[in-house]
């Protein structure tokens, strides 16, 4: 299954869980957090489908292999972050 987010195309494996991720990126994000940037996307098969190491490290978020974590992390560049 393919999802496009801000001109980046990602291929998610077929699973009910990834259908939810596709819905979040296709419908929820544009409606509720349109200024956000996708900094992490994990797939059920490929855990680090998208990973922005620079922003993740700025917030001290470490992505560890075989570690349970969020499947989608967004960063709203329009907000002030402290």
PDB file of N, CA and C in Angstrom:
ATOM      1  N   UNK A   1       0.855  -1.160   0.000  1.00  0.00           N
ATOM      2  CA  UNK A   1       0.000   0.000   0.000  1.00  0.00           C
ATOM      3  C   UNK A   1       0.907   1.230   0.000  1.00  0.00           C
ATOM      4  N   UNK A   2       0.540   2.205  -0.797  1.00  0.00           N
ATOM      5  CA  UNK A   2       1.354   3.404  -0.959  1.00  0.00           C
ATOM      6  C   UNK A   2       0.676   4.595  -0.298  1.00  0.00           C
ATOM      7  N   UNK A   3       1.469   5.399   0.380  1.00  0.00           N
ATOM      8  CA  UNK A   3       0.980   6.644   0.956  1.00  0.00           C
ATOM      9  C   UNK A   3       1.946   7.746   0.529  1.00  0.00           C
ATOM     10  N   UNK A   4       1.384   8.897   0.166  1.00  0.00           N
ATOM     11  CA  UNK A   4       2.197  10.052  -0.206  1.00  0.00           C
ATOM     12  C   UNK A   4       1.974  11.135   0.837  1.00  0.00           C
ATOM     13  N   UNK A   5       3.073  11.640   1.367  1.00  0.00           N
ATOM     14  CA  UNK A   5       3.003  12.693   2.370  1.00  0.00           C
ATOM     15  C   UNK A   5       3.953  13.800   1.944  1.00  0.00           C
ATOM     16  N   UNK A   6       3.392  14.956   1.614  1.00  0.00           N
ATOM     17  CA  UNK A   6       4.176  16.126   1.194  1.00  0.00           C
ATOM     18  C   UNK A   6       5.228  15.754   0.154  1.00  0.00           C
ATOM     19  N   UNK A   7       4.779  15.157  -0.914  1.00  0.00           N
ATOM     20  CA  UNK A   7       5.601  14.788  -2.073  1.00  0.00           C
ATOM     21  C   UNK A   7       6.591  13.649  -1.821  1.00  0.00           C
ATOM     22  N   UNK A   8       6.523  12.992  -0.671  1.00  0.00           N
ATOM     23  CA  UNK A   8       7.340  11.803  -0.428  1.00  0.00           C
ATOM     24  C   UNK A   8       6.429  10.596  -0.494  1.00  0.00           C
ATOM     25  N   UNK A   9       6.857   9.586  -1.201  1.00  0.00           N
ATOM     26  CA  UNK A   9       6.060   8.379  -1.336  1.00  0.00           C
ATOM     27  C   UNK A   9       6.657   7.262  -0.487  1.00  0.00           C
ATOM     28  N   UNK A  10       5.785   6.593   0.261  1.00  0.00           N
ATOM     29  CA  UNK A  10       6.209   5.492   1.132  1.00  0.00           C
ATOM     30  C   UNK A  10       5.377   4.262   0.802  1.00  0.00           C
ATOM     31  N   UNK A  11       6.010   3.114   0.853  1.00  0.00           N
ATOM     32  CA  UNK A  11       5.329   1.854   0.576  1.00  0.00           C
ATOM     33  C   UNK A  11       5.203   1.088   1.890  1.00  0.00           C
ATOM     34  N   UNK A  12       3.980   1.002   2.382  1.00  0.00           N
ATOM     35  CA  UNK A  12       3.689   0.292   3.620  1.00  0.00           C
ATOM     36  C   UNK A  12       3.271  -1.128   3.298  1.00  0.00           C
ATOM     37  N   UNK A  13       3.650  -2.060   4.144  1.00  0.00           N
ATOM     38  CA  UNK A  13       3.181  -3.429   3.950  1.00  0.00           C
ATOM     39  C   UNK A  13       1.680  -3.479   4.226  1.00  0.00           C
ATOM     40  N   UNK A  14       1.036  -4.460   3.655  1.00  0.00           N
ATOM     41  CA  UNK A  14      -0.420  -4.577   3.815  1.00  0.00           C
ATOM     42  C   UNK A  14      -0.737  -5.177   5.181  1.00  0.00           C
ATOM     43  N   UNK A  15      -1.376  -4.395   6.009  1.00  0.00           N
ATOM     44  CA  UNK A  15      -1.836  -4.867   7.310  1.00  0.00           C
ATOM     45  C   UNK A  15      -2.913  -3.907   7.795  1.00  0.00           C
ATOM     46  N   UNK A  16      -3.811  -4.362   8.646  1.00  0.00           N
ATOM     47  CA  UNK A  16      -4.837  -3.459   9.184  1.00  0.00           C
ATOM     48  C   UNK A  16      -4.209  -2.267   9.920  1.00  0.00           C
ATOM     49  N   UNK A  17      -3.106  -2.501  10.585  1.00  0.00           N
ATOM     50  CA  UNK A  17      -2.426  -1.430  11.315  1.00  0.00           C
ATOM     51  C   UNK A  17      -1.926  -0.344  10.357  1.00  0.00           C
ATOM     52  N   UNK A  18      -1.346  -0.752   9.248  1.00  0.00           N
ATOM     53  CA  UNK A  18      -0.830   0.227   8.297  1.00  0.00           C
ATOM     54  C   UNK A  18      -1.939   0.969   7.565  1.00  0.00           C
ATOM     55  N   UNK A  19      -3.121   0.374   7.473  1.00  0.00           N
ATOM     56  CA  UNK A  19      -4.269   1.106   6.932  1.00  0.00           C
ATOM     57  C   UNK A  19      -4.568   2.313   7.817  1.00  0.00           C
ATOM     58  N   UNK A  20      -4.442   2.131   9.119  1.00  0.00           N
ATOM     59  CA  UNK A  20      -4.643   3.236  10.056  1.00  0.00           C
ATOM     60  C   UNK A  20      -3.569   4.307   9.852  1.00  0.00           C
ATOM     61  N   UNK A  21      -2.331   3.898   9.681  1.00  0.00           N
ATOM     62  CA  UNK A  21      -1.259   4.862   9.445  1.00  0.00           C
ATOM     63  C   UNK A  21      -1.513   5.656   8.160  1.00  0.00           C
ATOM     64  N   UNK A  22      -1.958   4.981   7.122  1.00  0.00           N
ATOM     65  CA  UNK A  22      -2.273   5.659   5.866  1.00  0.00           C
ATOM     66  C   UNK A  22      -3.381   6.683   6.084  1.00  0.00           C
ATOM     67  N   UNK A  23      -4.405   6.305   6.813  1.00  0.00           N
ATOM     68  CA  UNK A  23      -5.501   7.227   7.113  1.00  0.00           C
ATOM     69  C   UNK A  23      -4.989   8.444   7.877  1.00  0.00           C
ATOM     70  N   UNK A  24      -4.120   8.230   8.854  1.00  0.00           N
ATOM     71  CA  UNK A  24      -3.574   9.342   9.644  1.00  0.00           C
ATOM     72  C   UNK A  24      -2.832  10.319   8.729  1.00  0.00           C
ATOM     73  N   UNK A  25      -1.967   9.798   7.868  1.00  0.00           N
ATOM     74  CA  UNK A  25      -1.174  10.672   6.996  1.00  0.00           C
ATOM     75  C   UNK A  25      -2.007  11.311   5.892  1.00  0.00           C
ATOM     76  N   UNK A  26      -2.994  10.587   5.371  1.00  0.00           N
ATOM     77  CA  UNK A  26      -3.819  11.112   4.278  1.00  0.00           C
ATOM     78  C   UNK A  26      -4.903  12.078   4.746  1.00  0.00           C
ATOM     79  N   UNK A  27      -5.512  11.801   5.894  1.00  0.00           N
ATOM     80  CA  UNK A  27      -6.699  12.552   6.308  1.00  0.00           C
ATOM     81  C   UNK A  27      -6.526  13.367   7.599  1.00  0.00           C
ATOM     82  N   UNK A  28      -5.982  12.739   8.631  1.00  0.00           N
ATOM     83  CA  UNK A  28      -5.871  13.420   9.921  1.00  0.00           C
ATOM     84  C   UNK A  28      -4.879  14.579   9.875  1.00  0.00           C
ATOM     85  N   UNK A  29      -3.680  14.309   9.388  1.00  0.00           N
ATOM     86  CA  UNK A  29      -2.627  15.333   9.391  1.00  0.00           C
ATOM     87  C   UNK A  29      -3.025  16.581   8.600  1.00  0.00           C
ATOM     88  N   UNK A  30      -3.493  16.462   7.362  1.00  0.00           N
ATOM     89  CA  UNK A  30      -3.859  17.683   6.629  1.00  0.00           C
ATOM     90  C   UNK A  30      -4.987  18.475   7.310  1.00  0.00           C
ATOM     91  N   UNK A  31      -5.858  17.780   7.984  1.00  0.00           N
ATOM     92  CA  UNK A  31      -7.000  18.432   8.615  1.00  0.00           C
ATOM     93  C   UNK A  31      -6.645  19.078   9.956  1.00  0.00           C
ATOM     94  N   UNK A  32      -5.832  18.408  10.771  1.00  0.00           N
ATOM     95  CA  UNK A  32      -5.610  18.867  12.138  1.00  0.00           C
ATOM     96  C   UNK A  32      -4.208  19.406  12.415  1.00  0.00           C
ATOM     97  N   UNK A  33      -3.207  18.990  11.694  1.00  0.00           N
ATOM     98  CA  UNK A  33      -1.835  19.486  11.886  1.00  0.00           C
ATOM     99  C   UNK A  33      -1.150  19.691  10.529  1.00  0.00           C
ATOM    100  N   UNK A  34      -1.704  20.568   9.703  1.00  0.00           N
ATOM    101  CA  UNK A  34      -1.197  20.707   8.330  1.00  0.00           C
ATOM    102  C   UNK A  34       0.234  21.231   8.237  1.00  0.00           C
ATOM    103  N   UNK A  35       0.722  21.930   9.241  1.00  0.00           N
ATOM    104  CA  UNK A  35       2.082  22.459   9.186  1.00  0.00           C
ATOM    105  C   UNK A  35       3.137  21.495   9.668  1.00  0.00           C
ATOM    106  N   UNK A  36       2.750  20.262   9.950  1.00  0.00           N
ATOM    107  CA  UNK A  36       3.693  19.321  10.547  1.00  0.00           C
ATOM    108  C   UNK A  36       4.586  18.646   9.515  1.00  0.00           C
ATOM    109  N   UNK A  37       5.705  18.176  10.020  1.00  0.00           N
ATOM    110  CA  UNK A  37       6.688  17.461   9.203  1.00  0.00           C
ATOM    111  C   UNK A  37       6.779  16.037   9.750  1.00  0.00           C
ATOM    112  N   UNK A  38       6.793  15.065   8.859  1.00  0.00           N
ATOM    113  CA  UNK A  38       6.942  13.672   9.250  1.00  0.00           C
ATOM    114  C   UNK A  38       8.407  13.417   9.572  1.00  0.00           C
ATOM    115  N   UNK A  39       8.694  13.095  10.834  1.00  0.00           N
ATOM    116  CA  UNK A  39      10.090  12.844  11.205  1.00  0.00           C
ATOM    117  C   UNK A  39      10.364  11.374  11.501  1.00  0.00           C
ATOM    118  N   UNK A  40       9.297  10.586  11.648  1.00  0.00           N
ATOM    119  CA  UNK A  40       9.494   9.147  11.812  1.00  0.00           C
ATOM    120  C   UNK A  40       8.253   8.417  11.326  1.00  0.00           C
ATOM    121  N   UNK A  41       8.471   7.369  10.553  1.00  0.00           N
ATOM    122  CA  UNK A  41       7.402   6.490  10.114  1.00  0.00           C
ATOM    123  C   UNK A  41       7.917   5.068  10.192  1.00  0.00           C
ATOM    124  N   UNK A  42       7.268   4.262  10.998  1.00  0.00           N
ATOM    125  CA  UNK A  42       7.643   2.857  11.126  1.00  0.00           C
ATOM    126  C   UNK A  42       6.601   1.972  10.477  1.00  0.00           C
ATOM    127  N   UNK A  43       7.044   0.989   9.759  1.00  0.00           N
ATOM    128  CA  UNK A  43       6.175   0.029   9.095  1.00  0.00           C
ATOM    129  C   UNK A  43       6.204  -1.264   9.900  1.00  0.00           C
ATOM    130  N   UNK A  44       5.190  -2.112   9.737  1.00  0.00           N
ATOM    131  CA  UNK A  44       5.186  -3.373  10.468  1.00  0.00           C
ATOM    132  C   UNK A  44       6.369  -4.263  10.070  1.00  0.00           C
ATOM    133  N   UNK A  45       6.880  -4.101   8.847  1.00  0.00           N
ATOM    134  CA  UNK A  45       8.028  -4.900   8.409  1.00  0.00           C
ATOM    135  C   UNK A  45       9.331  -4.104   8.426  1.00  0.00           C
ATOM    136  N   UNK A  46       9.277  -2.866   8.001  1.00  0.00           N
ATOM    137  CA  UNK A  46      10.479  -2.027   7.964  1.00  0.00           C
ATOM    138  C   UNK A  46      10.301  -0.912   8.981  1.00  0.00           C
ATOM    139  N   UNK A  47      10.873  -1.087  10.158  1.00  0.00           N
ATOM    140  CA  UNK A  47      10.633  -0.191  11.283  1.00  0.00           C
ATOM    141  C   UNK A  47      11.022   1.260  11.017  1.00  0.00           C
ATOM    142  N   UNK A  48      12.044   1.493  10.264  1.00  0.00           N
ATOM    143  CA  UNK A  48      12.512   2.857  10.034  1.00  0.00           C
ATOM    144  C   UNK A  48      12.315   3.251   8.575  1.00  0.00           C
ATOM    145  N   UNK A  49      11.067   3.282   8.158  1.00  0.00           N
ATOM    146  CA  UNK A  49      10.744   3.646   6.782  1.00  0.00           C
ATOM    147  C   UNK A  49      11.129   5.099   6.510  1.00  0.00           C
ATOM    148  N   UNK A  50      10.933   5.944   7.484  1.00  0.00           N
ATOM    149  CA  UNK A  50      11.326   7.369   7.407  1.00  0.00           C
ATOM    150  C   UNK A  50      11.873   7.737   8.771  1.00  0.00           C
ATOM    151  N   UNK A  51      13.020   8.414   8.788  1.00  0.00           N
ATOM    152  CA  UNK A  51      13.629   8.787  10.060  1.00  0.00           C
ATOM    153  C   UNK A  51      14.484  10.023   9.852  1.00  0.00           C
ATOM    154  N   UNK A  52      14.133  11.110  10.542  1.00  0.00           N
ATOM    155  CA  UNK A  52      14.892  12.357  10.484  1.00  0.00           C
ATOM    156  C   UNK A  52      15.757  12.418  11.749  1.00  0.00           C
ATOM    157  N   UNK A  53      16.969  11.907  11.631  1.00  0.00           N
ATOM    158  CA  UNK A  53      17.860  11.803  12.786  1.00  0.00           C
ATOM    159  C   UNK A  53      18.147  13.149  13.444  1.00  0.00           C
ATOM    160  N   UNK A  54      18.265  14.198  12.654  1.00  0.00           N
ATOM    161  CA  UNK A  54      18.606  15.510  13.206  1.00  0.00           C
ATOM    162  C   UNK A  54      17.519  16.025  14.157  1.00  0.00           C
ATOM    163  N   UNK A  55      16.288  16.018  13.702  1.00  0.00           N
ATOM    164  CA  UNK A  55      15.196  16.509  14.558  1.00  0.00           C
ATOM    165  C   UNK A  55      14.969  15.576  15.736  1.00  0.00           C
ATOM    166  N   UNK A  56      15.020  14.278  15.501  1.00  0.00           N
ATOM    167  CA  UNK A  56      14.851  13.329  16.606  1.00  0.00           C
ATOM    168  C   UNK A  56      15.906  13.549  17.684  1.00  0.00           C
ATOM    169  N   UNK A  57      17.146  13.752  17.289  1.00  0.00           N
ATOM    170  CA  UNK A  57      18.204  13.960  18.282  1.00  0.00           C
ATOM    171  C   UNK A  57      18.068  15.301  18.993  1.00  0.00           C
ATOM    172  N   UNK A  58      17.546  16.322  18.285  1.00  0.00           N
ATOM    173  CA  UNK A  58      17.314  17.616  18.937  1.00  0.00           C
ATOM    174  C   UNK A  58      16.332  17.495  20.103  1.00  0.00           C
ATOM    175  N   UNK A  59      15.406  16.559  20.019  1.00  0.00           N
ATOM    176  CA  UNK A  59      14.435  16.327  21.085  1.00  0.00           C
ATOM    177  C   UNK A  59      14.802  15.119  21.938  1.00  0.00           C
ATOM    178  N   UNK A  60      16.015  14.618  21.753  1.00  0.00           N
ATOM    179  CA  UNK A  60      16.541  13.486  22.518  1.00  0.00           C
ATOM    180  C   UNK A  60      15.648  12.244  22.392  1.00  0.00           C
ATOM    181  N   UNK A  61      15.148  12.011  21.184  1.00  0.00           N
ATOM    182  CA  UNK A  61      14.347  10.817  20.907  1.00  0.00           C
ATOM    183  C   UNK A  61      15.264   9.816  20.231  1.00  0.00           C
ATOM    184  N   UNK A  62      15.417   8.664  20.863  1.00  0.00           N
ATOM    185  CA  UNK A  62      16.275   7.628  20.309  1.00  0.00           C
ATOM    186  C   UNK A  62      15.405   6.498  19.774  1.00  0.00           C
ATOM    187  N   UNK A  63      15.674   6.113  18.556  1.00  0.00           N
ATOM    188  CA  UNK A  63      14.973   4.998  17.933  1.00  0.00           C
ATOM    189  C   UNK A  63      15.895   3.795  18.061  1.00  0.00           C
ATOM    190  N   UNK A  64      15.457   2.824  18.825  1.00  0.00           N
ATOM    191  CA  UNK A  64      16.274   1.641  19.067  1.00  0.00           C
ATOM    192  C   UNK A  64      15.719   0.453  18.308  1.00  0.00           C
ATOM    193  N   UNK A  65      16.619  -0.351  17.773  1.00  0.00           N
ATOM    194  CA  UNK A  65      16.199  -1.546  17.054  1.00  0.00           C
ATOM    195  C   UNK A  65      15.460  -2.484  18.008  1.00  0.00           C
ATOM    196  N   UNK A  66      14.396  -3.094  17.523  1.00  0.00           N
ATOM    197  CA  UNK A  66      13.567  -4.019  18.306  1.00  0.00           C
ATOM    198  C   UNK A  66      12.940  -3.367  19.528  1.00  0.00           C
ATOM    199  N   UNK A  67      12.680  -2.099  19.460  1.00  0.00           N
ATOM    200  CA  UNK A  67      12.080  -1.364  20.567  1.00  0.00           C
ATOM    201  C   UNK A  67      10.692  -0.904  20.153  1.00  0.00           C
ATOM    202  N   UNK A  68       9.732  -1.072  21.017  1.00  0.00           N
ATOM    203  CA  UNK A  68       8.368  -0.646  20.722  1.00  0.00           C
ATOM    204  C   UNK A  68       8.274   0.870  20.890  1.00  0.00           C
ATOM    205  N   UNK A  69       7.838   1.536  19.860  1.00  0.00           N
ATOM    206  CA  UNK A  69       7.669   2.980  19.936  1.00  0.00           C
ATOM    207  C   UNK A  69       6.549   3.407  18.994  1.00  0.00           C
ATOM    208  N   UNK A  70       6.281   4.680  18.951  1.00  0.00           N
ATOM    209  CA  UNK A  70       5.235   5.191  18.072  1.00  0.00           C
ATOM    210  C   UNK A  70       5.574   4.860  16.633  1.00  0.00           C
ATOM    211  N   UNK A  71       4.537   4.726  15.824  1.00  0.00           N
ATOM    212  CA  UNK A  71       4.751   4.430  14.417  1.00  0.00           C
ATOM    213  C   UNK A  71       4.823   5.687  13.565  1.00  0.00           C
ATOM    214  N   UNK A  72       4.262   6.777  14.081  1.00  0.00           N
ATOM    215  CA  UNK A  72       4.309   8.058  13.380  1.00  0.00           C
ATOM    216  C   UNK A  72       4.686   9.130  14.385  1.00  0.00           C
ATOM    217  N   UNK A  73       5.713   9.900  14.061  1.00  0.00           N
ATOM    218  CA  UNK A  73       6.083  11.063  14.868  1.00  0.00           C
ATOM    219  C   UNK A  73       6.095  12.257  13.934  1.00  0.00           C
ATOM    220  N   UNK A  74       5.351  13.281  14.331  1.00  0.00           N
ATOM    221  CA  UNK A  74       5.251  14.510  13.547  1.00  0.00           C
ATOM    222  C   UNK A  74       5.882  15.649  14.318  1.00  0.00           C
ATOM    223  N   UNK A  75       6.384  16.620  13.600  1.00  0.00           N
ATOM    224  CA  UNK A  75       6.962  17.824  14.196  1.00  0.00           C
ATOM    225  C   UNK A  75       6.303  19.023  13.538  1.00  0.00           C
ATOM    226  N   UNK A  76       5.692  19.862  14.349  1.00  0.00           N
ATOM    227  CA  UNK A  76       5.021  21.053  13.822  1.00  0.00           C
ATOM    228  C   UNK A  76       6.013  22.206  13.827  1.00  0.00           C
ATOM    229  N   UNK A  77       6.537  22.515  12.673  1.00  0.00           N
ATOM    230  CA  UNK A  77       7.554  23.562  12.536  1.00  0.00           C
ATOM    231  C   UNK A  77       7.002  24.956  12.750  1.00  0.00           C
ATOM    232  N   UNK A  78       5.677  25.098  12.712  1.00  0.00           N
ATOM    233  CA  UNK A  78       5.068  26.421  12.878  1.00  0.00           C
ATOM    234  C   UNK A  78       4.917  26.818  14.333  1.00  0.00           C
ATOM    235  N   UNK A  79       5.106  25.882  15.261  1.00  0.00           N
ATOM    236  CA  UNK A  79       4.960  26.159  16.695  1.00  0.00           C
ATOM    237  C   UNK A  79       6.310  26.423  17.324  1.00  0.00           C
ATOM    238  N   UNK A  80       6.304  27.189  18.415  1.00  0.00           N
ATOM    239  CA  UNK A  80       7.531  27.418  19.168  1.00  0.00           C
ATOM    240  C   UNK A  80       7.742  26.248  20.117  1.00  0.00           C
ATOM    241  N   UNK A  81       8.907  25.657  20.040  1.00  0.00           N
ATOM    242  CA  UNK A  81       9.225  24.481  20.880  1.00  0.00           C
ATOM    243  C   UNK A  81      10.310  24.858  21.869  1.00  0.00           C
ATOM    244  N   UNK A  82      10.068  24.500  23.106  1.00  0.00           N
ATOM    245  CA  UNK A  82      11.043  24.828  24.171  1.00  0.00           C
ATOM    246  C   UNK A  82      11.701  23.587  24.685  1.00  0.00           C
TER     247      UNK A  82
END
